[in-house]
């Protein structure tokens, strides 16, 4: 199913076609040379991205690439070890005076505000 082309892209494409036709009418030889080089560049880049080489090799006999056997030792080395159990640390809380003076003031204020 064809999707609708957005108007902005359609306008850009029409302007590109218009510009190409103008340059083709003014200087057809130079335009054809540039067009041919552009197509050649696109083909070479596409071939390189697909095969990893710029040009296709001859279809003659080739030596197969040597494959390295994968060692199972790498798999065993990456296995996670069981987590060690946590140990209880005998920490104790040391009572200090921080905040106690404020608590005393709050307690006194709350007793004063209570109405009987």
PDB file of N, CA and C in Angstrom:
ATOM      1  N   UNK A   1       0.836  -1.166   0.000  1.00  0.00           N
ATOM      2  CA  UNK A   1       0.000   0.000   0.000  1.00  0.00           C
ATOM      3  C   UNK A   1       0.888   1.239   0.000  1.00  0.00           C
ATOM      4  N   UNK A   2       0.643   2.137  -0.910  1.00  0.00           N
ATOM      5  CA  UNK A   2       1.448   3.348  -1.013  1.00  0.00           C
ATOM      6  C   UNK A   2       1.014   4.359   0.034  1.00  0.00           C
ATOM      7  N   UNK A   3       2.013   4.959   0.657  1.00  0.00           N
ATOM      8  CA  UNK A   3       1.705   6.013   1.617  1.00  0.00           C
ATOM      9  C   UNK A   3       1.725   7.352   0.905  1.00  0.00           C
ATOM     10  N   UNK A   4       1.052   8.309   1.456  1.00  0.00           N
ATOM     11  CA  UNK A   4       1.001   9.650   0.876  1.00  0.00           C
ATOM     12  C   UNK A   4       2.316  10.364   1.147  1.00  0.00           C
ATOM     13  N   UNK A   5       2.865  11.003   0.117  1.00  0.00           N
ATOM     14  CA  UNK A   5       4.134  11.720   0.246  1.00  0.00           C
ATOM     15  C   UNK A   5       3.855  13.082   0.869  1.00  0.00           C
ATOM     16  N   UNK A   6       4.603  13.453   1.920  1.00  0.00           N
ATOM     17  CA  UNK A   6       4.385  14.768   2.540  1.00  0.00           C
ATOM     18  C   UNK A   6       4.640  15.893   1.543  1.00  0.00           C
ATOM     19  N   UNK A   7       3.891  16.994   1.637  1.00  0.00           N
ATOM     20  CA  UNK A   7       4.010  18.071   0.655  1.00  0.00           C
ATOM     21  C   UNK A   7       5.391  18.725   0.629  1.00  0.00           C
ATOM     22  N   UNK A   8       6.061  18.813   1.764  1.00  0.00           N
ATOM     23  CA  UNK A   8       7.387  19.443   1.788  1.00  0.00           C
ATOM     24  C   UNK A   8       8.374  18.629   0.957  1.00  0.00           C
ATOM     25  N   UNK A   9       8.347  17.320   1.118  1.00  0.00           N
ATOM     26  CA  UNK A   9       9.255  16.456   0.349  1.00  0.00           C
ATOM     27  C   UNK A   9       8.894  16.511  -1.132  1.00  0.00           C
ATOM     28  N   UNK A  10       7.619  16.579  -1.428  1.00  0.00           N
ATOM     29  CA  UNK A  10       7.183  16.667  -2.822  1.00  0.00           C
ATOM     30  C   UNK A  10       7.682  17.956  -3.474  1.00  0.00           C
ATOM     31  N   UNK A  11       7.619  19.073  -2.751  1.00  0.00           N
ATOM     32  CA  UNK A  11       8.111  20.353  -3.282  1.00  0.00           C
ATOM     33  C   UNK A  11       9.615  20.299  -3.518  1.00  0.00           C
ATOM     34  N   UNK A  12      10.353  19.706  -2.572  1.00  0.00           N
ATOM     35  CA  UNK A  12      11.811  19.598  -2.732  1.00  0.00           C
ATOM     36  C   UNK A  12      12.151  18.737  -3.941  1.00  0.00           C
ATOM     37  N   UNK A  13      11.424  17.635  -4.126  1.00  0.00           N
ATOM     38  CA  UNK A  13      11.680  16.766  -5.278  1.00  0.00           C
ATOM     39  C   UNK A  13      11.377  17.489  -6.600  1.00  0.00           C
ATOM     40  N   UNK A  14      10.291  18.236  -6.634  1.00  0.00           N
ATOM     41  CA  UNK A  14       9.955  18.973  -7.858  1.00  0.00           C
ATOM     42  C   UNK A  14      11.005  20.038  -8.172  1.00  0.00           C
ATOM     43  N   UNK A  15      11.492  20.738  -7.147  1.00  0.00           N
ATOM     44  CA  UNK A  15      12.547  21.729  -7.374  1.00  0.00           C
ATOM     45  C   UNK A  15      13.843  21.071  -7.850  1.00  0.00           C
ATOM     46  N   UNK A  16      14.144  19.875  -7.318  1.00  0.00           N
ATOM     47  CA  UNK A  16      15.347  19.165  -7.756  1.00  0.00           C
ATOM     48  C   UNK A  16      15.223  18.754  -9.223  1.00  0.00           C
ATOM     49  N   UNK A  17      14.060  18.264  -9.607  1.00  0.00           N
ATOM     50  CA  UNK A  17      13.849  17.880 -11.012  1.00  0.00           C
ATOM     51  C   UNK A  17      13.939  19.106 -11.917  1.00  0.00           C
ATOM     52  N   UNK A  18      13.346  20.209 -11.492  1.00  0.00           N
ATOM     53  CA  UNK A  18      13.401  21.450 -12.269  1.00  0.00           C
ATOM     54  C   UNK A  18      14.848  21.921 -12.441  1.00  0.00           C
ATOM     55  N   UNK A  19      15.620  21.902 -11.357  1.00  0.00           N
ATOM     56  CA  UNK A  19      17.029  22.313 -11.440  1.00  0.00           C
ATOM     57  C   UNK A  19      17.839  21.389 -12.325  1.00  0.00           C
ATOM     58  N   UNK A  20      17.567  20.083 -12.245  1.00  0.00           N
ATOM     59  CA  UNK A  20      18.285  19.133 -13.095  1.00  0.00           C
ATOM     60  C   UNK A  20      17.978  19.390 -14.569  1.00  0.00           C
ATOM     61  N   UNK A  21      16.723  19.628 -14.891  1.00  0.00           N
ATOM     62  CA  UNK A  21      16.361  19.878 -16.289  1.00  0.00           C
ATOM     63  C   UNK A  21      16.995  21.164 -16.814  1.00  0.00           C
ATOM     64  N   UNK A  22      17.047  22.200 -15.979  1.00  0.00           N
ATOM     65  CA  UNK A  22      17.683  23.449 -16.413  1.00  0.00           C
ATOM     66  C   UNK A  22      19.171  23.247 -16.705  1.00  0.00           C
ATOM     67  N   UNK A  23      19.866  22.562 -15.810  1.00  0.00           N
ATOM     68  CA  UNK A  23      21.303  22.344 -16.049  1.00  0.00           C
ATOM     69  C   UNK A  23      21.523  21.387 -17.217  1.00  0.00           C
ATOM     70  N   UNK A  24      20.609  20.442 -17.413  1.00  0.00           N
ATOM     71  CA  UNK A  24      20.754  19.512 -18.535  1.00  0.00           C
ATOM     72  C   UNK A  24      20.578  20.238 -19.866  1.00  0.00           C
ATOM     73  N   UNK A  25      19.672  21.209 -19.926  1.00  0.00           N
ATOM     74  CA  UNK A  25      19.456  21.974 -21.165  1.00  0.00           C
ATOM     75  C   UNK A  25      20.647  22.884 -21.450  1.00  0.00           C
ATOM     76  N   UNK A  26      21.212  23.510 -20.397  1.00  0.00           N
ATOM     77  CA  UNK A  26      22.331  24.433 -20.588  1.00  0.00           C
ATOM     78  C   UNK A  26      23.614  23.709 -20.989  1.00  0.00           C
ATOM     79  N   UNK A  27      23.944  22.619 -20.287  1.00  0.00           N
ATOM     80  CA  UNK A  27      25.212  21.927 -20.549  1.00  0.00           C
ATOM     81  C   UNK A  27      24.987  20.417 -20.416  1.00  0.00           C
ATOM     82  N   UNK A  28      24.507  19.772 -21.492  1.00  0.00           N
ATOM     83  CA  UNK A  28      24.149  18.354 -21.381  1.00  0.00           C
ATOM     84  C   UNK A  28      25.340  17.422 -21.165  1.00  0.00           C
ATOM     85  N   UNK A  29      26.480  17.719 -21.758  1.00  0.00           N
ATOM     86  CA  UNK A  29      27.633  16.816 -21.632  1.00  0.00           C
ATOM     87  C   UNK A  29      28.133  16.794 -20.189  1.00  0.00           C
ATOM     88  N   UNK A  30      28.325  17.967 -19.620  1.00  0.00           N
ATOM     89  CA  UNK A  30      28.822  18.054 -18.248  1.00  0.00           C
ATOM     90  C   UNK A  30      27.821  17.422 -17.266  1.00  0.00           C
ATOM     91  N   UNK A  31      26.535  17.635 -17.511  1.00  0.00           N
ATOM     92  CA  UNK A  31      25.508  17.068 -16.632  1.00  0.00           C
ATOM     93  C   UNK A  31      25.509  15.548 -16.708  1.00  0.00           C
ATOM     94  N   UNK A  32      25.658  14.999 -17.919  1.00  0.00           N
ATOM     95  CA  UNK A  32      25.706  13.540 -18.063  1.00  0.00           C
ATOM     96  C   UNK A  32      26.951  12.953 -17.404  1.00  0.00           C
ATOM     97  N   UNK A  33      28.078  13.650 -17.487  1.00  0.00           N
ATOM     98  CA  UNK A  33      29.306  13.163 -16.837  1.00  0.00           C
ATOM     99  C   UNK A  33      29.119  13.138 -15.318  1.00  0.00           C
ATOM    100  N   UNK A  34      28.578  14.208 -14.775  1.00  0.00           N
ATOM    101  CA  UNK A  34      28.358  14.268 -13.322  1.00  0.00           C
ATOM    102  C   UNK A  34      27.336  13.221 -12.893  1.00  0.00           C
ATOM    103  N   UNK A  35      26.286  13.037 -13.686  1.00  0.00           N
ATOM    104  CA  UNK A  35      25.274  12.033 -13.375  1.00  0.00           C
ATOM    105  C   UNK A  35      25.873  10.624 -13.400  1.00  0.00           C
ATOM    106  N   UNK A  36      26.696  10.333 -14.404  1.00  0.00           N
ATOM    107  CA  UNK A  36      27.343   9.020 -14.491  1.00  0.00           C
ATOM    108  C   UNK A  36      28.289   8.766 -13.332  1.00  0.00           C
ATOM    109  N   UNK A  37      29.090   9.782 -12.968  1.00  0.00           N
ATOM    110  CA  UNK A  37      30.000   9.618 -11.826  1.00  0.00           C
ATOM    111  C   UNK A  37      29.225   9.432 -10.517  1.00  0.00           C
ATOM    112  N   UNK A  38      28.103  10.112 -10.393  1.00  0.00           N
ATOM    113  CA  UNK A  38      27.287   9.966  -9.181  1.00  0.00           C
ATOM    114  C   UNK A  38      26.717   8.556  -9.076  1.00  0.00           C
ATOM    115  N   UNK A  39      26.214   8.035 -10.189  1.00  0.00           N
ATOM    116  CA  UNK A  39      25.676   6.671 -10.192  1.00  0.00           C
ATOM    117  C   UNK A  39      26.781   5.665  -9.890  1.00  0.00           C
ATOM    118  N   UNK A  40      27.962   5.860 -10.477  1.00  0.00           N
ATOM    119  CA  UNK A  40      29.092   4.969 -10.216  1.00  0.00           C
ATOM    120  C   UNK A  40      29.485   5.002  -8.737  1.00  0.00           C
ATOM    121  N   UNK A  41      29.510   6.179  -8.155  1.00  0.00           N
ATOM    122  CA  UNK A  41      29.849   6.309  -6.740  1.00  0.00           C
ATOM    123  C   UNK A  41      28.818   5.607  -5.861  1.00  0.00           C
ATOM    124  N   UNK A  42      27.548   5.758  -6.198  1.00  0.00           N
ATOM    125  CA  UNK A  42      26.496   5.093  -5.418  1.00  0.00           C
ATOM    126  C   UNK A  42      26.631   3.576  -5.506  1.00  0.00           C
ATOM    127  N   UNK A  43      26.923   3.056  -6.702  1.00  0.00           N
ATOM    128  CA  UNK A  43      27.077   1.607  -6.877  1.00  0.00           C
ATOM    129  C   UNK A  43      28.273   1.088  -6.089  1.00  0.00           C
ATOM    130  N   UNK A  44      29.400   1.809  -6.139  1.00  0.00           N
ATOM    131  CA  UNK A  44      30.602   1.365  -5.425  1.00  0.00           C
ATOM    132  C   UNK A  44      30.364   1.372  -3.916  1.00  0.00           C
ATOM    133  N   UNK A  45      29.754   2.427  -3.406  1.00  0.00           N
ATOM    134  CA  UNK A  45      29.500   2.496  -1.959  1.00  0.00           C
ATOM    135  C   UNK A  45      28.519   1.412  -1.534  1.00  0.00           C
ATOM    136  N   UNK A  46      27.480   1.172  -2.326  1.00  0.00           N
ATOM    137  CA  UNK A  46      26.505   0.129  -1.995  1.00  0.00           C
ATOM    138  C   UNK A  46      27.148  -1.257  -2.005  1.00  0.00           C
ATOM    139  N   UNK A  47      28.021  -1.492  -2.985  1.00  0.00           N
ATOM    140  CA  UNK A  47      28.721  -2.767  -3.057  1.00  0.00           C
ATOM    141  C   UNK A  47      29.657  -2.930  -1.863  1.00  0.00           C
ATOM    142  N   UNK A  48      30.330  -1.856  -1.478  1.00  0.00           N
ATOM    143  CA  UNK A  48      31.251  -1.922  -0.339  1.00  0.00           C
ATOM    144  C   UNK A  48      30.491  -2.209   0.957  1.00  0.00           C
ATOM    145  N   UNK A  49      29.335  -1.600   1.118  1.00  0.00           N
ATOM    146  CA  UNK A  49      28.568  -1.831   2.337  1.00  0.00           C
ATOM    147  C   UNK A  49      28.004  -3.248   2.393  1.00  0.00           C
ATOM    148  N   UNK A  50      27.706  -3.830   1.255  1.00  0.00           N
ATOM    149  CA  UNK A  50      27.163  -5.190   1.244  1.00  0.00           C
ATOM    150  C   UNK A  50      28.238  -6.256   1.417  1.00  0.00           C
ATOM    151  N   UNK A  51      29.346  -6.122   0.681  1.00  0.00           N
ATOM    152  CA  UNK A  51      30.336  -7.200   0.657  1.00  0.00           C
ATOM    153  C   UNK A  51      31.582  -6.906   1.469  1.00  0.00           C
ATOM    154  N   UNK A  52      31.866  -5.659   1.752  1.00  0.00           N
ATOM    155  CA  UNK A  52      33.076  -5.326   2.501  1.00  0.00           C
ATOM    156  C   UNK A  52      34.265  -5.058   1.604  1.00  0.00           C
ATOM    157  N   UNK A  53      34.078  -5.121   0.283  1.00  0.00           N
ATOM    158  CA  UNK A  53      35.162  -4.791  -0.646  1.00  0.00           C
ATOM    159  C   UNK A  53      34.589  -3.890  -1.741  1.00  0.00           C
ATOM    160  N   UNK A  54      35.458  -3.089  -2.355  1.00  0.00           N
ATOM    161  CA  UNK A  54      34.982  -2.125  -3.341  1.00  0.00           C
ATOM    162  C   UNK A  54      34.532  -2.789  -4.638  1.00  0.00           C
ATOM    163  N   UNK A  55      35.229  -3.814  -5.083  1.00  0.00           N
ATOM    164  CA  UNK A  55      34.905  -4.465  -6.343  1.00  0.00           C
ATOM    165  C   UNK A  55      34.625  -5.934  -6.097  1.00  0.00           C
ATOM    166  N   UNK A  56      33.779  -6.512  -6.973  1.00  0.00           N
ATOM    167  CA  UNK A  56      33.483  -7.932  -6.844  1.00  0.00           C
ATOM    168  C   UNK A  56      34.688  -8.744  -7.289  1.00  0.00           C
ATOM    169  N   UNK A  57      34.900  -9.834  -6.592  1.00  0.00           N
ATOM    170  CA  UNK A  57      36.021 -10.716  -6.944  1.00  0.00           C
ATOM    171  C   UNK A  57      35.627 -11.594  -8.131  1.00  0.00           C
ATOM    172  N   UNK A  58      36.631 -12.173  -8.778  1.00  0.00           N
ATOM    173  CA  UNK A  58      36.345 -13.074  -9.891  1.00  0.00           C
ATOM    174  C   UNK A  58      35.672 -14.327  -9.348  1.00  0.00           C
ATOM    175  N   UNK A  59      34.914 -14.984 -10.211  1.00  0.00           N
ATOM    176  CA  UNK A  59      34.159 -16.150  -9.764  1.00  0.00           C
ATOM    177  C   UNK A  59      34.986 -17.430  -9.837  1.00  0.00           C
ATOM    178  N   UNK A  60      36.299 -17.319  -9.871  1.00  0.00           N
ATOM    179  CA  UNK A  60      37.175 -18.486  -9.916  1.00  0.00           C
ATOM    180  C   UNK A  60      37.232 -19.181  -8.564  1.00  0.00           C
ATOM    181  N   UNK A  61      38.065 -20.244  -8.504  1.00  0.00           N
ATOM    182  CA  UNK A  61      38.165 -20.973  -7.231  1.00  0.00           C
ATOM    183  C   UNK A  61      38.800 -20.093  -6.150  1.00  0.00           C
ATOM    184  N   UNK A  62      38.204 -20.153  -5.002  1.00  0.00           N
ATOM    185  CA  UNK A  62      38.711 -19.369  -3.878  1.00  0.00           C
ATOM    186  C   UNK A  62      39.015 -20.284  -2.712  1.00  0.00           C
ATOM    187  N   UNK A  63      39.947 -19.850  -1.917  1.00  0.00           N
ATOM    188  CA  UNK A  63      40.230 -20.598  -0.696  1.00  0.00           C
ATOM    189  C   UNK A  63      39.214 -20.175   0.365  1.00  0.00           C
ATOM    190  N   UNK A  64      38.637 -21.139   1.030  1.00  0.00           N
ATOM    191  CA  UNK A  64      37.696 -20.755   2.083  1.00  0.00           C
ATOM    192  C   UNK A  64      38.443 -20.109   3.251  1.00  0.00           C
ATOM    193  N   UNK A  65      37.788 -19.178   3.863  1.00  0.00           N
ATOM    194  CA  UNK A  65      38.416 -18.507   4.997  1.00  0.00           C
ATOM    195  C   UNK A  65      38.518 -19.480   6.167  1.00  0.00           C
ATOM    196  N   UNK A  66      39.675 -19.514   6.814  1.00  0.00           N
ATOM    197  CA  UNK A  66      39.789 -20.418   7.968  1.00  0.00           C
ATOM    198  C   UNK A  66      38.931 -19.905   9.131  1.00  0.00           C
ATOM    199  N   UNK A  67      38.142 -20.823   9.660  1.00  0.00           N
ATOM    200  CA  UNK A  67      37.290 -20.445  10.781  1.00  0.00           C
ATOM    201  C   UNK A  67      37.933 -20.915  12.073  1.00  0.00           C
ATOM    202  N   UNK A  68      37.911 -20.072  13.055  1.00  0.00           N
ATOM    203  CA  UNK A  68      38.484 -20.430  14.351  1.00  0.00           C
ATOM    204  C   UNK A  68      37.402 -21.107  15.188  1.00  0.00           C
ATOM    205  N   UNK A  69      37.726 -22.257  15.752  1.00  0.00           N
ATOM    206  CA  UNK A  69      36.728 -22.890  16.618  1.00  0.00           C
ATOM    207  C   UNK A  69      36.585 -22.078  17.903  1.00  0.00           C
ATOM    208  N   UNK A  70      35.350 -21.894  18.295  1.00  0.00           N
ATOM    209  CA  UNK A  70      35.111 -21.124  19.510  1.00  0.00           C
ATOM    210  C   UNK A  70      35.376 -22.014  20.717  1.00  0.00           C
ATOM    211  N   UNK A  71      36.156 -21.493  21.620  1.00  0.00           N
ATOM    212  CA  UNK A  71      36.477 -22.272  22.810  1.00  0.00           C
ATOM    213  C   UNK A  71      35.389 -22.078  23.858  1.00  0.00           C
ATOM    214  N   UNK A  72      34.963 -23.172  24.484  1.00  0.00           N
ATOM    215  CA  UNK A  72      33.923 -23.047  25.504  1.00  0.00           C
ATOM    216  C   UNK A  72      34.454 -22.431  26.798  1.00  0.00           C
ATOM    217  N   UNK A  73      35.759 -22.232  26.897  1.00  0.00           N
ATOM    218  CA  UNK A  73      36.342 -21.669  28.110  1.00  0.00           C
ATOM    219  C   UNK A  73      35.897 -20.246  28.363  1.00  0.00           C
ATOM    220  N   UNK A  74      35.625 -19.502  27.287  1.00  0.00           N
ATOM    221  CA  UNK A  74      35.187 -18.123  27.463  1.00  0.00           C
ATOM    222  C   UNK A  74      33.807 -18.063  28.108  1.00  0.00           C
ATOM    223  N   UNK A  75      32.970 -19.007  27.774  1.00  0.00           N
ATOM    224  CA  UNK A  75      31.636 -19.019  28.357  1.00  0.00           C
ATOM    225  C   UNK A  75      31.699 -19.273  29.856  1.00  0.00           C
ATOM    226  N   UNK A  76      32.543 -20.196  30.250  1.00  0.00           N
ATOM    227  CA  UNK A  76      32.625 -20.530  31.663  1.00  0.00           C
ATOM    228  C   UNK A  76      33.216 -19.382  32.462  1.00  0.00           C
ATOM    229  N   UNK A  77      34.106 -18.618  31.840  1.00  0.00           N
ATOM    230  CA  UNK A  77      34.740 -17.525  32.562  1.00  0.00           C
ATOM    231  C   UNK A  77      33.767 -16.381  32.808  1.00  0.00           C
ATOM    232  N   UNK A  78      32.747 -16.261  31.981  1.00  0.00           N
ATOM    233  CA  UNK A  78      31.835 -15.136  32.132  1.00  0.00           C
ATOM    234  C   UNK A  78      30.631 -15.461  33.006  1.00  0.00           C
ATOM    235  N   UNK A  79      30.538 -16.689  33.508  1.00  0.00           N
ATOM    236  CA  UNK A  79      29.406 -17.024  34.359  1.00  0.00           C
ATOM    237  C   UNK A  79      29.487 -16.245  35.658  1.00  0.00           C
ATOM    238  N   UNK A  80      28.332 -15.815  36.125  1.00  0.00           N
ATOM    239  CA  UNK A  80      28.295 -15.089  37.387  1.00  0.00           C
ATOM    240  C   UNK A  80      28.394 -16.077  38.541  1.00  0.00           C
ATOM    241  N   UNK A  81      29.127 -15.659  39.535  1.00  0.00           N
ATOM    242  CA  UNK A  81      29.229 -16.490  40.720  1.00  0.00           C
ATOM    243  C   UNK A  81      28.075 -16.159  41.651  1.00  0.00           C
ATOM    244  N   UNK A  82      27.724 -17.117  42.479  1.00  0.00           N
ATOM    245  CA  UNK A  82      26.634 -16.898  43.419  1.00  0.00           C
ATOM    246  C   UNK A  82      27.043 -15.811  44.403  1.00  0.00           C
ATOM    247  N   UNK A  83      26.138 -14.909  44.733  1.00  0.00           N
ATOM    248  CA  UNK A  83      26.504 -13.835  45.660  1.00  0.00           C
ATOM    249  C   UNK A  83      26.779 -14.391  47.053  1.00  0.00           C
ATOM    250  N   UNK A  84      27.760 -13.813  47.703  1.00  0.00           N
ATOM    251  CA  UNK A  84      28.104 -14.268  49.050  1.00  0.00           C
ATOM    252  C   UNK A  84      27.036 -13.783  50.017  1.00  0.00           C
ATOM    253  N   UNK A  85      26.706 -14.591  51.004  1.00  0.00           N
ATOM    254  CA  UNK A  85      25.669 -14.172  51.955  1.00  0.00           C
ATOM    255  C   UNK A  85      26.135 -12.969  52.770  1.00  0.00           C
ATOM    256  N   UNK A  86      25.192 -12.124  53.128  1.00  0.00           N
ATOM    257  CA  UNK A  86      25.535 -10.932  53.894  1.00  0.00           C
ATOM    258  C   UNK A  86      25.823 -11.311  55.341  1.00  0.00           C
ATOM    259  N   UNK A  87      26.793 -10.597  55.887  1.00  0.00           N
ATOM    260  CA  UNK A  87      27.119 -10.813  57.298  1.00  0.00           C
ATOM    261  C   UNK A  87      26.474  -9.711  58.127  1.00  0.00           C
ATOM    262  N   UNK A  88      26.056 -10.059  59.315  1.00  0.00           N
ATOM    263  CA  UNK A  88      25.508  -9.054  60.218  1.00  0.00           C
ATOM    264  C   UNK A  88      26.651  -8.290  60.855  1.00  0.00           C
ATOM    265  N   UNK A  89      26.588  -6.975  60.757  1.00  0.00           N
ATOM    266  CA  UNK A  89      27.607  -6.135  61.367  1.00  0.00           C
ATOM    267  C   UNK A  89      27.033  -5.545  62.648  1.00  0.00           C
ATOM    268  N   UNK A  90      27.751  -5.665  63.735  1.00  0.00           N
ATOM    269  CA  UNK A  90      27.224  -5.158  65.017  1.00  0.00           C
ATOM    270  C   UNK A  90      27.377  -3.642  65.136  1.00  0.00           C
ATOM    271  N   UNK A  91      26.527  -2.903  64.433  1.00  0.00           N
ATOM    272  CA  UNK A  91      26.555  -1.449  64.558  1.00  0.00           C
ATOM    273  C   UNK A  91      25.630  -1.047  65.702  1.00  0.00           C
ATOM    274  N   UNK A  92      25.963   0.023  66.340  1.00  0.00           N
ATOM    275  CA  UNK A  92      25.081   0.520  67.387  1.00  0.00           C
ATOM    276  C   UNK A  92      24.870   2.008  67.195  1.00  0.00           C
ATOM    277  N   UNK A  93      23.756   2.479  67.639  1.00  0.00           N
ATOM    278  CA  UNK A  93      23.411   3.878  67.499  1.00  0.00           C
ATOM    279  C   UNK A  93      23.893   4.619  68.732  1.00  0.00           C
ATOM    280  N   UNK A  94      24.610   5.705  68.506  1.00  0.00           N
ATOM    281  CA  UNK A  94      25.104   6.520  69.610  1.00  0.00           C
ATOM    282  C   UNK A  94      24.156   7.696  69.759  1.00  0.00           C
ATOM    283  N   UNK A  95      23.541   7.794  70.925  1.00  0.00           N
ATOM    284  CA  UNK A  95      22.612   8.898  71.174  1.00  0.00           C
ATOM    285  C   UNK A  95      23.387  10.180  71.372  1.00  0.00           C
ATOM    286  N   UNK A  96      22.932  11.217  70.710  1.00  0.00           N
ATOM    287  CA  UNK A  96      23.563  12.515  70.857  1.00  0.00           C
ATOM    288  C   UNK A  96      22.539  13.556  71.246  1.00  0.00           C
ATOM    289  N   UNK A  97      22.984  14.781  71.342  1.00  0.00           N
ATOM    290  CA  UNK A  97      22.097  15.863  71.763  1.00  0.00           C
ATOM    291  C   UNK A  97      21.448  16.562  70.571  1.00  0.00           C
ATOM    292  N   UNK A  98      21.777  16.166  69.387  1.00  0.00           N
ATOM    293  CA  UNK A  98      21.274  16.851  68.203  1.00  0.00           C
ATOM    294  C   UNK A  98      19.760  16.676  68.109  1.00  0.00           C
ATOM    295  N   UNK A  99      19.043  17.777  68.065  1.00  0.00           N
ATOM    296  CA  UNK A  99      17.603  17.745  67.919  1.00  0.00           C
ATOM    297  C   UNK A  99      16.842  17.576  69.216  1.00  0.00           C
ATOM    298  N   UNK A 100      17.506  17.233  70.330  1.00  0.00           N
ATOM    299  CA  UNK A 100      16.784  17.023  71.579  1.00  0.00           C
ATOM    300  C   UNK A 100      16.319  18.342  72.168  1.00  0.00           C
ATOM    301  N   UNK A 101      17.129  19.406  72.046  1.00  0.00           N
ATOM    302  CA  UNK A 101      16.722  20.707  72.573  1.00  0.00           C
ATOM    303  C   UNK A 101      15.501  21.209  71.818  1.00  0.00           C
ATOM    304  N   UNK A 102      15.444  20.958  70.546  1.00  0.00           N
ATOM    305  CA  UNK A 102      14.315  21.385  69.736  1.00  0.00           C
ATOM    306  C   UNK A 102      13.059  20.612  70.143  1.00  0.00           C
ATOM    307  N   UNK A 103      13.213  19.326  70.441  1.00  0.00           N
ATOM    308  CA  UNK A 103      12.075  18.522  70.857  1.00  0.00           C
ATOM    309  C   UNK A 103      11.511  19.024  72.178  1.00  0.00           C
ATOM    310  N   UNK A 104      12.386  19.423  73.107  1.00  0.00           N
ATOM    311  CA  UNK A 104      11.921  19.924  74.401  1.00  0.00           C
ATOM    312  C   UNK A 104      11.118  21.202  74.216  1.00  0.00           C
ATOM    313  N   UNK A 105      11.577  22.087  73.338  1.00  0.00           N
ATOM    314  CA  UNK A 105      10.852  23.330  73.100  1.00  0.00           C
ATOM    315  C   UNK A 105       9.491  23.043  72.473  1.00  0.00           C
ATOM    316  N   UNK A 106       9.441  22.094  71.544  1.00  0.00           N
ATOM    317  CA  UNK A 106       8.174  21.745  70.909  1.00  0.00           C
ATOM    318  C   UNK A 106       7.198  21.156  71.924  1.00  0.00           C
ATOM    319  N   UNK A 107       7.716  20.322  72.844  1.00  0.00           N
ATOM    320  CA  UNK A 107       6.857  19.729  73.862  1.00  0.00           C
ATOM    321  C   UNK A 107       6.282  20.805  74.774  1.00  0.00           C
ATOM    322  N   UNK A 108       7.104  21.769  75.176  1.00  0.00           N
ATOM    323  CA  UNK A 108       6.634  22.839  76.056  1.00  0.00           C
ATOM    324  C   UNK A 108       5.601  23.704  75.334  1.00  0.00           C
ATOM    325  N   UNK A 109       5.829  24.007  74.077  1.00  0.00           N
ATOM    326  CA  UNK A 109       4.881  24.824  73.321  1.00  0.00           C
ATOM    327  C   UNK A 109       3.553  24.102  73.143  1.00  0.00           C
ATOM    328  N   UNK A 110       3.582  22.801  72.959  1.00  0.00           N
ATOM    329  CA  UNK A 110       2.346  22.057  72.761  1.00  0.00           C
ATOM    330  C   UNK A 110       1.544  22.006  74.055  1.00  0.00           C
ATOM    331  N   UNK A 111       2.225  21.963  75.212  1.00  0.00           N
ATOM    332  CA  UNK A 111       1.504  21.961  76.484  1.00  0.00           C
ATOM    333  C   UNK A 111       0.870  23.320  76.731  1.00  0.00           C
ATOM    334  N   UNK A 112       1.515  24.399  76.316  1.00  0.00           N
ATOM    335  CA  UNK A 112       0.980  25.738  76.534  1.00  0.00           C
ATOM    336  C   UNK A 112      -0.226  26.019  75.639  1.00  0.00           C
ATOM    337  N   UNK A 113      -0.289  25.408  74.479  1.00  0.00           N
ATOM    338  CA  UNK A 113      -1.358  25.693  73.530  1.00  0.00           C
ATOM    339  C   UNK A 113      -2.616  24.879  73.796  1.00  0.00           C
ATOM    340  N   UNK A 114      -2.507  23.874  74.640  1.00  0.00           N
ATOM    341  CA  UNK A 114      -3.675  23.025  74.904  1.00  0.00           C
ATOM    342  C   UNK A 114      -4.622  23.792  75.824  1.00  0.00           C
ATOM    343  N   UNK A 115      -5.860  23.906  75.433  1.00  0.00           N
ATOM    344  CA  UNK A 115      -6.838  24.610  76.268  1.00  0.00           C
ATOM    345  C   UNK A 115      -7.718  23.602  76.986  1.00  0.00           C
ATOM    346  N   UNK A 116      -8.016  23.897  78.281  1.00  0.00           N
ATOM    347  CA  UNK A 116      -8.828  22.956  79.061  1.00  0.00           C
ATOM    348  C   UNK A 116     -10.236  23.401  79.118  1.00  0.00           C
TER     349      UNK A 116
END
